[in-house]
Amino acid sequence: MEDRESVTVSGTITLDEFKKYQAYHVRRINLSFFFVLLVMFTLMFVSVIDAIWFVSIWFAALFALVPSGLFLLSVKVFNRNRAKKEFESDAVAHKEMTYTFNEEGVHQKGRRSDNYYEWSDFSSFQETPELFLLYVSKRKAILLPKRFFENQEQQEQFKTIVRERRSR
């Protein structure tokens, strides 16, 4: 890779993209709670169903899906509402940002802000079907919607830069 190779993208994050980021971020926690509740409700219903243990476990698990599913649904609705409030209260999220990725790091430029991150500042990199996430901490990431990129080739160039710099 040449020393002067860089990728520059810009755009404004939408509420929908922010919600997807939040959903991606909490999905493991939500699934964990769902399965813990499923087991707990199954055990609770097994004690009430009077049948052969094999049959009672299956019926109990089937009945346990309802409250566990309702819990998961309510948590998802809560997280979407929380993400909406957080997005609306974040004035910077509504502004257009320009990102330049090169061998030194990431330059983030807004209308009145100018930030620079070295590659060592990032704890992890994730790719979802619609977003690239560069985590600067466990709960904070730079969101890069794939629509910010001009084409697939620019996305691949970006991924190559990130892969090479993070591996050092």
C-alpha atoms as a PDB file:
ATOM      1  CA  MET A   1       0.000   0.000   0.000  1.00  0.00           C
ATOM      2  CA  GLU A   2       1.297   3.450  -0.831  1.00  0.00           C
ATOM      3  CA  ASP A   3       1.950   5.921   1.983  1.00  0.00           C
ATOM      4  CA  ARG A   4      -0.363   8.492   0.386  1.00  0.00           C
ATOM      5  CA  GLU A   5      -3.332   6.156   0.002  1.00  0.00           C
ATOM      6  CA  SER A   6      -6.415   7.421   1.809  1.00  0.00           C
ATOM      7  CA  VAL A   7     -10.189   7.211   1.699  1.00  0.00           C
ATOM      8  CA  THR A   8     -12.425  10.227   2.297  1.00  0.00           C
ATOM      9  CA  VAL A   9     -16.172   9.911   2.868  1.00  0.00           C
ATOM     10  CA  SER A  10     -18.821  12.267   4.160  1.00  0.00           C
ATOM     11  CA  GLY A  11     -22.472  12.354   5.072  1.00  0.00           C
ATOM     12  CA  THR A  12     -25.045  12.782   7.790  1.00  0.00           C
ATOM     13  CA  ILE A  13     -26.246   9.908   9.937  1.00  0.00           C
ATOM     14  CA  THR A  14     -30.001   9.285   9.892  1.00  0.00           C
ATOM     15  CA  LEU A  15     -32.209   8.279  12.810  1.00  0.00           C
ATOM     16  CA  ASP A  16     -32.776   4.882  11.197  1.00  0.00           C
ATOM     17  CA  GLU A  17     -29.011   4.238  10.982  1.00  0.00           C
ATOM     18  CA  PHE A  18     -28.557   5.296  14.597  1.00  0.00           C
ATOM     19  CA  LYS A  19     -31.330   2.894  15.664  1.00  0.00           C
ATOM     20  CA  LYS A  20     -29.626   0.078  13.744  1.00  0.00           C
ATOM     21  CA  TYR A  21     -26.348   0.842  15.517  1.00  0.00           C
ATOM     22  CA  GLN A  22     -28.071   0.765  18.902  1.00  0.00           C
ATOM     23  CA  ALA A  23     -29.895  -2.492  18.037  1.00  0.00           C
ATOM     24  CA  TYR A  24     -26.636  -4.087  16.899  1.00  0.00           C
ATOM     25  CA  HIS A  25     -24.915  -2.947  20.060  1.00  0.00           C
ATOM     26  CA  VAL A  26     -27.473  -4.506  22.449  1.00  0.00           C
ATOM     27  CA  ARG A  27     -28.524  -7.580  20.465  1.00  0.00           C
ATOM     28  CA  ARG A  28     -26.355 -10.040  22.434  1.00  0.00           C
ATOM     29  CA  ILE A  29     -27.667  -8.733  25.744  1.00  0.00           C
ATOM     30  CA  ASN A  30     -31.273  -8.966  24.511  1.00  0.00           C
ATOM     31  CA  LEU A  31     -30.824 -12.543  23.304  1.00  0.00           C
ATOM     32  CA  SER A  32     -29.145 -13.543  26.564  1.00  0.00           C
ATOM     33  CA  PHE A  33     -32.056 -12.168  28.583  1.00  0.00           C
ATOM     34  CA  PHE A  34     -34.527 -13.902  26.273  1.00  0.00           C
ATOM     35  CA  PHE A  35     -32.924 -17.328  26.770  1.00  0.00           C
ATOM     36  CA  VAL A  36     -32.535 -16.867  30.523  1.00  0.00           C
ATOM     37  CA  LEU A  37     -36.214 -15.947  30.774  1.00  0.00           C
ATOM     38  CA  LEU A  38     -37.174 -18.831  28.504  1.00  0.00           C
ATOM     39  CA  VAL A  39     -35.401 -21.298  30.814  1.00  0.00           C
ATOM     40  CA  MET A  40     -36.837 -19.706  33.958  1.00  0.00           C
ATOM     41  CA  PHE A  41     -40.412 -19.690  32.636  1.00  0.00           C
ATOM     42  CA  THR A  42     -40.001 -23.247  31.337  1.00  0.00           C
ATOM     43  CA  LEU A  43     -38.891 -24.437  34.778  1.00  0.00           C
ATOM     44  CA  MET A  44     -41.749 -22.547  36.387  1.00  0.00           C
ATOM     45  CA  PHE A  45     -44.350 -24.017  33.991  1.00  0.00           C
ATOM     46  CA  VAL A  46     -42.945 -27.561  34.332  1.00  0.00           C
ATOM     47  CA  SER A  47     -43.821 -27.513  38.008  1.00  0.00           C
ATOM     48  CA  VAL A  48     -47.456 -26.655  37.193  1.00  0.00           C
ATOM     49  CA  ILE A  49     -48.090 -29.030  34.283  1.00  0.00           C
ATOM     50  CA  ASP A  50     -49.169 -32.464  35.439  1.00  0.00           C
ATOM     51  CA  ALA A  51     -47.903 -34.854  32.761  1.00  0.00           C
ATOM     52  CA  ILE A  52     -44.991 -37.116  31.926  1.00  0.00           C
ATOM     53  CA  TRP A  53     -41.753 -35.148  32.393  1.00  0.00           C
ATOM     54  CA  PHE A  54     -40.890 -35.297  28.667  1.00  0.00           C
ATOM     55  CA  VAL A  55     -44.301 -33.942  27.635  1.00  0.00           C
ATOM     56  CA  SER A  56     -44.412 -31.346  30.422  1.00  0.00           C
ATOM     57  CA  ILE A  57     -41.023 -29.916  29.381  1.00  0.00           C
ATOM     58  CA  TRP A  58     -42.211 -29.437  25.787  1.00  0.00           C
ATOM     59  CA  PHE A  59     -45.491 -27.823  26.813  1.00  0.00           C
ATOM     60  CA  ALA A  60     -43.741 -25.675  29.401  1.00  0.00           C
ATOM     61  CA  ALA A  61     -41.192 -24.481  26.819  1.00  0.00           C
ATOM     62  CA  LEU A  62     -43.999 -23.696  24.400  1.00  0.00           C
ATOM     63  CA  PHE A  63     -45.882 -21.693  27.047  1.00  0.00           C
ATOM     64  CA  ALA A  64     -42.634 -19.984  28.123  1.00  0.00           C
ATOM     65  CA  LEU A  65     -42.138 -18.598  24.611  1.00  0.00           C
ATOM     66  CA  VAL A  66     -45.056 -16.190  25.086  1.00  0.00           C
ATOM     67  CA  PRO A  67     -43.824 -14.204  28.134  1.00  0.00           C
ATOM     68  CA  SER A  68     -40.194 -14.426  26.971  1.00  0.00           C
ATOM     69  CA  GLY A  69     -41.139 -13.149  23.515  1.00  0.00           C
ATOM     70  CA  LEU A  70     -43.223 -10.337  24.999  1.00  0.00           C
ATOM     71  CA  PHE A  71     -40.289  -9.330  27.161  1.00  0.00           C
ATOM     72  CA  LEU A  72     -37.951  -9.300  24.150  1.00  0.00           C
ATOM     73  CA  LEU A  73     -40.445  -7.230  22.160  1.00  0.00           C
ATOM     74  CA  SER A  74     -40.859  -4.690  24.966  1.00  0.00           C
ATOM     75  CA  VAL A  75     -37.083  -4.380  25.367  1.00  0.00           C
ATOM     76  CA  LYS A  76     -36.710  -3.756  21.620  1.00  0.00           C
ATOM     77  CA  VAL A  77     -39.395  -1.037  21.710  1.00  0.00           C
ATOM     78  CA  PHE A  78     -37.729   0.525  24.762  1.00  0.00           C
ATOM     79  CA  ASN A  79     -34.313   0.494  23.035  1.00  0.00           C
ATOM     80  CA  ARG A  80     -35.733   2.090  19.864  1.00  0.00           C
ATOM     81  CA  ASN A  81     -37.356   4.869  21.880  1.00  0.00           C
ATOM     82  CA  ARG A  82     -34.169   5.389  23.870  1.00  0.00           C
ATOM     83  CA  ALA A  83     -32.122   5.538  20.658  1.00  0.00           C
ATOM     84  CA  LYS A  84     -34.527   8.108  19.197  1.00  0.00           C
ATOM     85  CA  LYS A  85     -34.251  10.328  22.290  1.00  0.00           C
ATOM     86  CA  GLU A  86     -30.468   9.991  22.325  1.00  0.00           C
ATOM     87  CA  PHE A  87     -30.218  10.825  18.626  1.00  0.00           C
ATOM     88  CA  GLU A  88     -32.495  13.848  18.962  1.00  0.00           C
ATOM     89  CA  SER A  89     -30.521  15.173  21.936  1.00  0.00           C
ATOM     90  CA  ASP A  90     -27.147  14.791  20.171  1.00  0.00           C
ATOM     91  CA  ALA A  91     -26.647  17.996  18.155  1.00  0.00           C
ATOM     92  CA  VAL A  92     -23.460  16.686  16.517  1.00  0.00           C
ATOM     93  CA  ALA A  93     -25.242  13.598  15.137  1.00  0.00           C
ATOM     94  CA  HIS A  94     -27.388  15.818  12.906  1.00  0.00           C
ATOM     95  CA  LYS A  95     -24.422  17.503  11.250  1.00  0.00           C
ATOM     96  CA  GLU A  96     -22.580  16.415   8.142  1.00  0.00           C
ATOM     97  CA  MET A  97     -19.188  14.878   8.919  1.00  0.00           C
ATOM     98  CA  THR A  98     -16.230  14.167   6.691  1.00  0.00           C
ATOM     99  CA  TYR A  99     -13.898  11.294   7.520  1.00  0.00           C
ATOM    100  CA  THR A 100     -10.448  10.749   6.042  1.00  0.00           C
ATOM    101  CA  PHE A 101      -8.785   7.388   6.664  1.00  0.00           C
ATOM    102  CA  ASN A 102      -5.064   6.992   5.996  1.00  0.00           C
ATOM    103  CA  GLU A 103      -2.027   5.259   7.443  1.00  0.00           C
ATOM    104  CA  GLU A 104      -1.706   7.750  10.324  1.00  0.00           C
ATOM    105  CA  GLY A 105      -5.297   7.477  11.526  1.00  0.00           C
ATOM    106  CA  VAL A 106      -8.753   8.942  11.131  1.00  0.00           C
ATOM    107  CA  HIS A 107      -9.502  12.631  10.649  1.00  0.00           C
ATOM    108  CA  GLN A 108     -13.091  13.543  11.530  1.00  0.00           C
ATOM    109  CA  LYS A 109     -14.165  16.992  10.414  1.00  0.00           C
ATOM    110  CA  GLY A 110     -17.482  18.705  11.008  1.00  0.00           C
ATOM    111  CA  ARG A 111     -18.577  22.244  10.419  1.00  0.00           C
ATOM    112  CA  ARG A 112     -17.070  23.499  13.683  1.00  0.00           C
ATOM    113  CA  SER A 113     -15.270  20.436  14.990  1.00  0.00           C
ATOM    114  CA  ASP A 114     -12.047  18.740  14.066  1.00  0.00           C
ATOM    115  CA  ASN A 115     -11.005  15.434  15.665  1.00  0.00           C
ATOM    116  CA  TYR A 116      -8.118  13.126  14.996  1.00  0.00           C
ATOM    117  CA  TYR A 117      -7.856   9.474  16.049  1.00  0.00           C
ATOM    118  CA  GLU A 118      -4.759   7.318  15.826  1.00  0.00           C
ATOM    119  CA  TRP A 119      -5.348   3.689  14.895  1.00  0.00           C
ATOM    120  CA  SER A 120      -4.343   2.619  18.400  1.00  0.00           C
ATOM    121  CA  ASP A 121      -7.326   4.623  19.747  1.00  0.00           C
ATOM    122  CA  PHE A 122      -9.761   2.067  18.302  1.00  0.00           C
ATOM    123  CA  SER A 123     -10.627  -0.999  20.343  1.00  0.00           C
ATOM    124  CA  SER A 124     -12.464  -2.885  17.573  1.00  0.00           C
ATOM    125  CA  PHE A 125     -13.927  -2.747  14.073  1.00  0.00           C
ATOM    126  CA  GLN A 126     -17.279  -4.264  13.114  1.00  0.00           C
ATOM    127  CA  GLU A 127     -19.143  -4.501   9.843  1.00  0.00           C
ATOM    128  CA  THR A 128     -22.899  -4.915   9.632  1.00  0.00           C
ATOM    129  CA  PRO A 129     -24.933  -5.166   6.419  1.00  0.00           C
ATOM    130  CA  GLU A 130     -25.449  -1.376   6.396  1.00  0.00           C
ATOM    131  CA  LEU A 131     -22.766   0.092   8.681  1.00  0.00           C
ATOM    132  CA  PHE A 132     -19.082   0.093   9.524  1.00  0.00           C
ATOM    133  CA  LEU A 133     -18.419   0.643  13.232  1.00  0.00           C
ATOM    134  CA  LEU A 134     -15.077   1.827  14.552  1.00  0.00           C
ATOM    135  CA  TYR A 135     -15.231   1.471  18.350  1.00  0.00           C
ATOM    136  CA  VAL A 136     -13.251   3.976  20.406  1.00  0.00           C
ATOM    137  CA  SER A 137     -14.594   2.421  23.612  1.00  0.00           C
ATOM    138  CA  LYS A 138     -16.872  -0.436  24.576  1.00  0.00           C
ATOM    139  CA  ARG A 139     -20.035   1.653  24.074  1.00  0.00           C
ATOM    140  CA  LYS A 140     -18.940   4.423  21.700  1.00  0.00           C
ATOM    141  CA  ALA A 141     -18.266   4.054  17.994  1.00  0.00           C
ATOM    142  CA  ILE A 142     -17.807   6.076  14.866  1.00  0.00           C
ATOM    143  CA  LEU A 143     -20.744   5.107  12.633  1.00  0.00           C
ATOM    144  CA  LEU A 144     -20.044   4.937   8.929  1.00  0.00           C
ATOM    145  CA  PRO A 145     -23.068   4.040   6.845  1.00  0.00           C
ATOM    146  CA  LYS A 146     -22.057   2.203   3.696  1.00  0.00           C
ATOM    147  CA  ARG A 147     -23.996   4.770   1.695  1.00  0.00           C
ATOM    148  CA  PHE A 148     -21.252   7.311   2.577  1.00  0.00           C
ATOM    149  CA  PHE A 149     -18.942   5.423   0.200  1.00  0.00           C
ATOM    150  CA  GLU A 150     -19.025   6.173  -3.526  1.00  0.00           C
ATOM    151  CA  ASN A 151     -18.785   2.522  -4.575  1.00  0.00           C
ATOM    152  CA  GLN A 152     -17.805  -1.006  -3.516  1.00  0.00           C
ATOM    153  CA  GLU A 153     -14.178  -0.377  -4.502  1.00  0.00           C
ATOM    154  CA  GLN A 154     -13.919   2.520  -2.050  1.00  0.00           C
ATOM    155  CA  GLN A 155     -15.415   0.303   0.688  1.00  0.00           C
ATOM    156  CA  GLU A 156     -12.808  -2.389  -0.024  1.00  0.00           C
ATOM    157  CA  GLN A 157     -10.028   0.202   0.059  1.00  0.00           C
ATOM    158  CA  PHE A 158     -11.346   1.426   3.424  1.00  0.00           C
ATOM    159  CA  LYS A 159     -11.466  -2.127   4.827  1.00  0.00           C
ATOM    160  CA  THR A 160      -7.902  -2.749   3.636  1.00  0.00           C
ATOM    161  CA  ILE A 161      -6.649   0.401   5.370  1.00  0.00           C
ATOM    162  CA  VAL A 162      -8.435  -0.527   8.602  1.00  0.00           C
ATOM    163  CA  ARG A 163      -7.206  -4.129   8.491  1.00  0.00           C
ATOM    164  CA  GLU A 164      -3.589  -3.159   7.836  1.00  0.00           C
ATOM    165  CA  ARG A 165      -3.462  -0.383  10.439  1.00  0.00           C
ATOM    166  CA  ARG A 166      -5.244  -2.269  13.204  1.00  0.00           C
ATOM    167  CA  SER A 167      -2.970  -5.298  12.794  1.00  0.00           C
ATOM    168  CA  ARG A 168       0.144  -3.288  13.646  1.00  0.00           C
END
